[in-house]
Amino acid sequence: MNSADAISIFNTMTSENVLYAFHGEFNYGMVNTLLSDVKKQLHKSTTNMRAAKKTYKVLVECLENIHKHSAKRESEVPGNNEGIFILSKKDDGYMVAIGNSILDNEVKTLQSMLDEINAMDASSLKKKYREQIQSAEVSDRGGAGLGMIDIAIKSGSILDYKFENYTDAKHFFSMKILIKA
């Protein structure tokens, strides 16, 4: 990276009103540190505490999903997962952008789930959440399939996602969520 790259990144972060950005390992300790830092940043940057609280709740789910569901690099220590998240302030609320690698064989299942969630209205999402709580078993990664539903409910927005080829066996999953004020 040279100084022109740093200036470009700085200008982008300034023009996009980026409040917080992180790229690295999403282990349990890092997720807790990030959430603590972001909570302070949200309180400093807003007069709309309701939007800040909703954003924080969405971030909890997003960062836990990166921690639990990222595909590990072959050389990684168990429990460490690489990802990225960006929090920016928008005129009508906050934007959370996240990304992490997933195994190729997980793409269709995740895409199907996200499409189903995006097709539901608020009352259908709440009903699906209740049904999932009653019938779900906790997976080997510690989830019960509730995270994405919870994100959709709390944000009140469509989950804008994309999958890109990343390596021979992995895709990079990215998602943006607008949390309206």
C-alpha atoms as a PDB file:
ATOM      1  CA  MET A   1       0.000   0.000   0.000  1.00  0.00           C
ATOM      2  CA  ASN A   2       1.270   3.443  -0.806  1.00  0.00           C
ATOM      3  CA  SER A   3       0.195   6.894   0.349  1.00  0.00           C
ATOM      4  CA  ALA A   4      -2.197   7.297  -2.597  1.00  0.00           C
ATOM      5  CA  ASP A   5      -3.998   4.128  -1.448  1.00  0.00           C
ATOM      6  CA  ALA A   6      -4.301   5.515   2.083  1.00  0.00           C
ATOM      7  CA  ILE A   7      -5.699   8.806   0.778  1.00  0.00           C
ATOM      8  CA  SER A   8      -8.210   6.946  -1.384  1.00  0.00           C
ATOM      9  CA  ILE A   9      -9.350   4.834   1.562  1.00  0.00           C
ATOM     10  CA  PHE A  10      -9.562   7.932   3.774  1.00  0.00           C
ATOM     11  CA  ASN A  11     -11.634   9.814   1.173  1.00  0.00           C
ATOM     12  CA  THR A  12     -13.986   6.863   0.722  1.00  0.00           C
ATOM     13  CA  MET A  13     -14.450   6.450   4.455  1.00  0.00           C
ATOM     14  CA  THR A  14     -15.112  10.173   4.845  1.00  0.00           C
ATOM     15  CA  SER A  15     -17.572  10.425   1.941  1.00  0.00           C
ATOM     16  CA  GLU A  16     -19.430   7.294   3.108  1.00  0.00           C
ATOM     17  CA  ASN A  17     -19.595   8.533   6.744  1.00  0.00           C
ATOM     18  CA  VAL A  18     -17.847   5.410   8.047  1.00  0.00           C
ATOM     19  CA  LEU A  19     -17.978   5.347  11.828  1.00  0.00           C
ATOM     20  CA  TYR A  20     -16.168   2.062  12.325  1.00  0.00           C
ATOM     21  CA  ALA A  21     -14.426  -0.505  10.150  1.00  0.00           C
ATOM     22  CA  PHE A  22     -12.630  -3.711  11.021  1.00  0.00           C
ATOM     23  CA  HIS A  23     -10.929  -6.453   9.067  1.00  0.00           C
ATOM     24  CA  GLY A  24      -9.329  -9.381  10.826  1.00  0.00           C
ATOM     25  CA  GLU A  25      -9.951 -12.372  13.023  1.00  0.00           C
ATOM     26  CA  PHE A  26     -13.406 -12.614  14.590  1.00  0.00           C
ATOM     27  CA  ASN A  27     -12.766 -14.664  17.701  1.00  0.00           C
ATOM     28  CA  TYR A  28     -14.876 -14.429  20.842  1.00  0.00           C
ATOM     29  CA  GLY A  29     -12.671 -11.813  22.521  1.00  0.00           C
ATOM     30  CA  MET A  30     -12.464  -9.638  19.408  1.00  0.00           C
ATOM     31  CA  VAL A  31     -16.238  -9.700  18.896  1.00  0.00           C
ATOM     32  CA  ASN A  32     -16.739  -8.496  22.486  1.00  0.00           C
ATOM     33  CA  THR A  33     -14.143  -5.742  22.041  1.00  0.00           C
ATOM     34  CA  LEU A  34     -15.677  -4.604  18.748  1.00  0.00           C
ATOM     35  CA  LEU A  35     -19.178  -4.511  20.219  1.00  0.00           C
ATOM     36  CA  SER A  36     -17.971  -2.461  23.187  1.00  0.00           C
ATOM     37  CA  ASP A  37     -16.180   0.016  20.903  1.00  0.00           C
ATOM     38  CA  VAL A  38     -19.106   0.290  18.500  1.00  0.00           C
ATOM     39  CA  LYS A  39     -21.564   0.854  21.329  1.00  0.00           C
ATOM     40  CA  LYS A  40     -19.514   3.859  22.470  1.00  0.00           C
ATOM     41  CA  GLN A  41     -19.236   5.146  18.892  1.00  0.00           C
ATOM     42  CA  LEU A  42     -22.990   4.837  18.319  1.00  0.00           C
ATOM     43  CA  HIS A  43     -23.745   6.761  21.496  1.00  0.00           C
ATOM     44  CA  LYS A  44     -21.347   9.546  20.460  1.00  0.00           C
ATOM     45  CA  SER A  45     -22.626   9.816  16.898  1.00  0.00           C
ATOM     46  CA  THR A  46     -26.391  10.059  17.340  1.00  0.00           C
ATOM     47  CA  THR A  47     -29.254  11.802  19.004  1.00  0.00           C
ATOM     48  CA  ASN A  48     -31.574   8.983  17.904  1.00  0.00           C
ATOM     49  CA  MET A  49     -30.933   6.369  20.577  1.00  0.00           C
ATOM     50  CA  ARG A  50     -33.654   4.052  19.226  1.00  0.00           C
ATOM     51  CA  ALA A  51     -31.832   3.732  15.895  1.00  0.00           C
ATOM     52  CA  ALA A  52     -28.505   3.281  17.709  1.00  0.00           C
ATOM     53  CA  LYS A  53     -29.936   0.467  19.853  1.00  0.00           C
ATOM     54  CA  LYS A  54     -31.460  -1.309  16.853  1.00  0.00           C
ATOM     55  CA  THR A  55     -28.142  -0.977  15.017  1.00  0.00           C
ATOM     56  CA  TYR A  56     -26.237  -2.394  17.960  1.00  0.00           C
ATOM     57  CA  LYS A  57     -28.593  -5.400  18.159  1.00  0.00           C
ATOM     58  CA  VAL A  58     -28.156  -6.059  14.429  1.00  0.00           C
ATOM     59  CA  LEU A  59     -24.375  -5.806  14.833  1.00  0.00           C
ATOM     60  CA  VAL A  60     -24.400  -8.371  17.653  1.00  0.00           C
ATOM     61  CA  GLU A  61     -26.021 -10.899  15.317  1.00  0.00           C
ATOM     62  CA  CYS A  62     -23.790  -9.976  12.362  1.00  0.00           C
ATOM     63  CA  LEU A  63     -20.509 -10.244  14.257  1.00  0.00           C
ATOM     64  CA  GLU A  64     -21.541 -13.490  15.938  1.00  0.00           C
ATOM     65  CA  ASN A  65     -22.440 -14.904  12.511  1.00  0.00           C
ATOM     66  CA  ILE A  66     -18.978 -14.041  11.183  1.00  0.00           C
ATOM     67  CA  HIS A  67     -17.385 -15.613  14.254  1.00  0.00           C
ATOM     68  CA  LYS A  68     -19.463 -18.805  14.058  1.00  0.00           C
ATOM     69  CA  HIS A  69     -19.879 -19.334  10.318  1.00  0.00           C
ATOM     70  CA  SER A  70     -16.739 -18.156   8.523  1.00  0.00           C
ATOM     71  CA  ALA A  71     -14.854 -20.844   6.654  1.00  0.00           C
ATOM     72  CA  LYS A  72     -11.491 -21.225   8.329  1.00  0.00           C
ATOM     73  CA  ARG A  73      -8.261 -20.998   6.414  1.00  0.00           C
ATOM     74  CA  GLU A  74      -6.412 -24.296   6.325  1.00  0.00           C
ATOM     75  CA  SER A  75      -3.631 -22.914   8.525  1.00  0.00           C
ATOM     76  CA  GLU A  76      -5.929 -21.309  11.095  1.00  0.00           C
ATOM     77  CA  VAL A  77      -6.195 -22.087  14.749  1.00  0.00           C
ATOM     78  CA  PRO A  78      -9.695 -23.405  15.589  1.00  0.00           C
ATOM     79  CA  GLY A  79     -12.063 -20.621  16.630  1.00  0.00           C
ATOM     80  CA  ASN A  80     -10.468 -17.838  14.586  1.00  0.00           C
ATOM     81  CA  ASN A  81     -12.387 -16.595  11.570  1.00  0.00           C
ATOM     82  CA  GLU A  82     -11.482 -13.816   9.196  1.00  0.00           C
ATOM     83  CA  GLY A  83     -14.049 -11.260   8.149  1.00  0.00           C
ATOM     84  CA  ILE A  84     -14.844  -7.610   7.695  1.00  0.00           C
ATOM     85  CA  PHE A  85     -17.478  -5.224   8.925  1.00  0.00           C
ATOM     86  CA  ILE A  86     -18.169  -1.579   8.268  1.00  0.00           C
ATOM     87  CA  LEU A  87     -20.614   0.683  10.084  1.00  0.00           C
ATOM     88  CA  SER A  88     -21.616   3.927   8.421  1.00  0.00           C
ATOM     89  CA  LYS A  89     -24.099   6.676   9.205  1.00  0.00           C
ATOM     90  CA  LYS A  90     -26.727   7.437   6.578  1.00  0.00           C
ATOM     91  CA  ASP A  91     -29.314  10.200   6.377  1.00  0.00           C
ATOM     92  CA  ASP A  92     -32.076   7.742   7.229  1.00  0.00           C
ATOM     93  CA  GLY A  93     -30.217   5.572   9.760  1.00  0.00           C
ATOM     94  CA  TYR A  94     -27.158   3.332   9.744  1.00  0.00           C
ATOM     95  CA  MET A  95     -25.662   0.897   7.242  1.00  0.00           C
ATOM     96  CA  VAL A  96     -23.943  -2.280   8.384  1.00  0.00           C
ATOM     97  CA  ALA A  97     -21.818  -4.104   5.814  1.00  0.00           C
ATOM     98  CA  ILE A  98     -20.262  -7.468   6.632  1.00  0.00           C
ATOM     99  CA  GLY A  99     -18.312 -10.116   4.794  1.00  0.00           C
ATOM    100  CA  ASN A 100     -16.644 -13.480   5.337  1.00  0.00           C
ATOM    101  CA  SER A 101     -15.725 -16.600   3.436  1.00  0.00           C
ATOM    102  CA  ILE A 102     -18.009 -19.628   3.416  1.00  0.00           C
ATOM    103  CA  LEU A 103     -17.590 -23.093   1.966  1.00  0.00           C
ATOM    104  CA  ASP A 104     -18.975 -23.612  -1.545  1.00  0.00           C
ATOM    105  CA  ASN A 105     -21.398 -26.277  -0.332  1.00  0.00           C
ATOM    106  CA  GLU A 106     -23.058 -23.739   2.024  1.00  0.00           C
ATOM    107  CA  VAL A 107     -23.942 -21.169  -0.653  1.00  0.00           C
ATOM    108  CA  LYS A 108     -27.218 -22.693  -1.907  1.00  0.00           C
ATOM    109  CA  THR A 109     -28.592 -23.252   1.590  1.00  0.00           C
ATOM    110  CA  LEU A 110     -27.738 -19.724   2.743  1.00  0.00           C
ATOM    111  CA  GLN A 111     -29.040 -18.164  -0.468  1.00  0.00           C
ATOM    112  CA  SER A 112     -32.317 -20.069  -0.172  1.00  0.00           C
ATOM    113  CA  MET A 113     -32.730 -18.994   3.454  1.00  0.00           C
ATOM    114  CA  LEU A 114     -31.993 -15.334   2.665  1.00  0.00           C
ATOM    115  CA  ASP A 115     -34.393 -15.316  -0.292  1.00  0.00           C
ATOM    116  CA  GLU A 116     -37.115 -16.797   1.929  1.00  0.00           C
ATOM    117  CA  ILE A 117     -36.459 -14.173   4.630  1.00  0.00           C
ATOM    118  CA  ASN A 118     -36.457 -11.325   2.098  1.00  0.00           C
ATOM    119  CA  ALA A 119     -39.833 -12.488   0.727  1.00  0.00           C
ATOM    120  CA  MET A 120     -41.519 -12.237   4.157  1.00  0.00           C
ATOM    121  CA  ASP A 121     -43.265  -9.268   5.708  1.00  0.00           C
ATOM    122  CA  ALA A 122     -42.732  -8.287   9.362  1.00  0.00           C
ATOM    123  CA  SER A 123     -45.502 -10.471  10.793  1.00  0.00           C
ATOM    124  CA  SER A 124     -44.366 -13.503   8.761  1.00  0.00           C
ATOM    125  CA  LEU A 125     -40.805 -13.014   9.991  1.00  0.00           C
ATOM    126  CA  LYS A 126     -41.962 -12.920  13.613  1.00  0.00           C
ATOM    127  CA  LYS A 127     -44.041 -16.063  13.089  1.00  0.00           C
ATOM    128  CA  LYS A 128     -41.079 -17.832  11.441  1.00  0.00           C
ATOM    129  CA  TYR A 129     -38.849 -16.764  14.368  1.00  0.00           C
ATOM    130  CA  ARG A 130     -41.280 -18.254  16.923  1.00  0.00           C
ATOM    131  CA  GLU A 131     -41.574 -21.484  14.914  1.00  0.00           C
ATOM    132  CA  GLN A 132     -37.786 -21.727  14.619  1.00  0.00           C
ATOM    133  CA  ILE A 133     -37.336 -21.285  18.366  1.00  0.00           C
ATOM    134  CA  GLN A 134     -39.825 -24.057  19.091  1.00  0.00           C
ATOM    135  CA  SER A 135     -38.476 -26.557  16.570  1.00  0.00           C
ATOM    136  CA  ALA A 136     -34.796 -25.754  16.091  1.00  0.00           C
ATOM    137  CA  GLU A 137     -31.902 -27.733  17.375  1.00  0.00           C
ATOM    138  CA  VAL A 138     -28.603 -26.034  18.086  1.00  0.00           C
ATOM    139  CA  SER A 139     -26.078 -26.793  15.348  1.00  0.00           C
ATOM    140  CA  ASP A 140     -22.477 -27.840  15.883  1.00  0.00           C
ATOM    141  CA  ARG A 141     -21.535 -24.180  15.311  1.00  0.00           C
ATOM    142  CA  GLY A 142     -23.825 -23.014  18.118  1.00  0.00           C
ATOM    143  CA  GLY A 143     -26.661 -21.613  16.005  1.00  0.00           C
ATOM    144  CA  ALA A 144     -30.333 -22.445  15.741  1.00  0.00           C
ATOM    145  CA  GLY A 145     -30.974 -20.682  12.422  1.00  0.00           C
ATOM    146  CA  LEU A 146     -32.325 -17.551  14.069  1.00  0.00           C
ATOM    147  CA  GLY A 147     -29.619 -14.975  13.347  1.00  0.00           C
ATOM    148  CA  MET A 148     -30.637 -13.867   9.850  1.00  0.00           C
ATOM    149  CA  ILE A 149     -34.325 -13.822  10.774  1.00  0.00           C
ATOM    150  CA  ASP A 150     -33.482 -11.695  13.810  1.00  0.00           C
ATOM    151  CA  ILE A 151     -31.420  -9.298  11.673  1.00  0.00           C
ATOM    152  CA  ALA A 152     -34.333  -8.875   9.240  1.00  0.00           C
ATOM    153  CA  ILE A 153     -36.805  -8.270  12.086  1.00  0.00           C
ATOM    154  CA  LYS A 154     -34.610  -5.772  13.927  1.00  0.00           C
ATOM    155  CA  SER A 155     -33.530  -3.833  10.833  1.00  0.00           C
ATOM    156  CA  GLY A 156     -36.897  -3.810   9.091  1.00  0.00           C
ATOM    157  CA  SER A 157     -34.986  -3.978   5.804  1.00  0.00           C
ATOM    158  CA  ILE A 158     -34.230  -6.347   2.982  1.00  0.00           C
ATOM    159  CA  LEU A 159     -30.953  -8.227   3.514  1.00  0.00           C
ATOM    160  CA  ASP A 160     -28.863  -7.141   0.507  1.00  0.00           C
ATOM    161  CA  TYR A 161     -26.415  -9.983  -0.047  1.00  0.00           C
ATOM    162  CA  LYS A 162     -23.974 -11.303  -2.617  1.00  0.00           C
ATOM    163  CA  PHE A 163     -21.704 -14.321  -3.122  1.00  0.00           C
ATOM    164  CA  GLU A 164     -18.411 -14.037  -5.027  1.00  0.00           C
ATOM    165  CA  ASN A 165     -15.978 -16.803  -5.943  1.00  0.00           C
ATOM    166  CA  TYR A 166     -13.104 -16.573  -3.478  1.00  0.00           C
ATOM    167  CA  THR A 167     -10.970 -19.726  -3.736  1.00  0.00           C
ATOM    168  CA  ASP A 168     -11.420 -23.176  -5.270  1.00  0.00           C
ATOM    169  CA  ALA A 169     -13.526 -24.326  -2.316  1.00  0.00           C
ATOM    170  CA  LYS A 170     -14.932 -21.057  -0.934  1.00  0.00           C
ATOM    171  CA  HIS A 171     -17.147 -18.104  -1.749  1.00  0.00           C
ATOM    172  CA  PHE A 172     -17.033 -14.679  -0.142  1.00  0.00           C
ATOM    173  CA  PHE A 173     -20.395 -13.801   1.373  1.00  0.00           C
ATOM    174  CA  SER A 174     -21.177 -10.102   1.784  1.00  0.00           C
ATOM    175  CA  MET A 175     -24.287  -8.428   3.113  1.00  0.00           C
ATOM    176  CA  LYS A 176     -25.501  -4.880   3.670  1.00  0.00           C
ATOM    177  CA  ILE A 177     -28.264  -4.021   6.084  1.00  0.00           C
ATOM    178  CA  LEU A 178     -29.900  -0.604   6.387  1.00  0.00           C
ATOM    179  CA  ILE A 179     -31.237   0.133   9.859  1.00  0.00           C
ATOM    180  CA  LYS A 180     -33.691   2.990   9.482  1.00  0.00           C
ATOM    181  CA  ALA A 181     -33.912   5.721  12.094  1.00  0.00           C
END
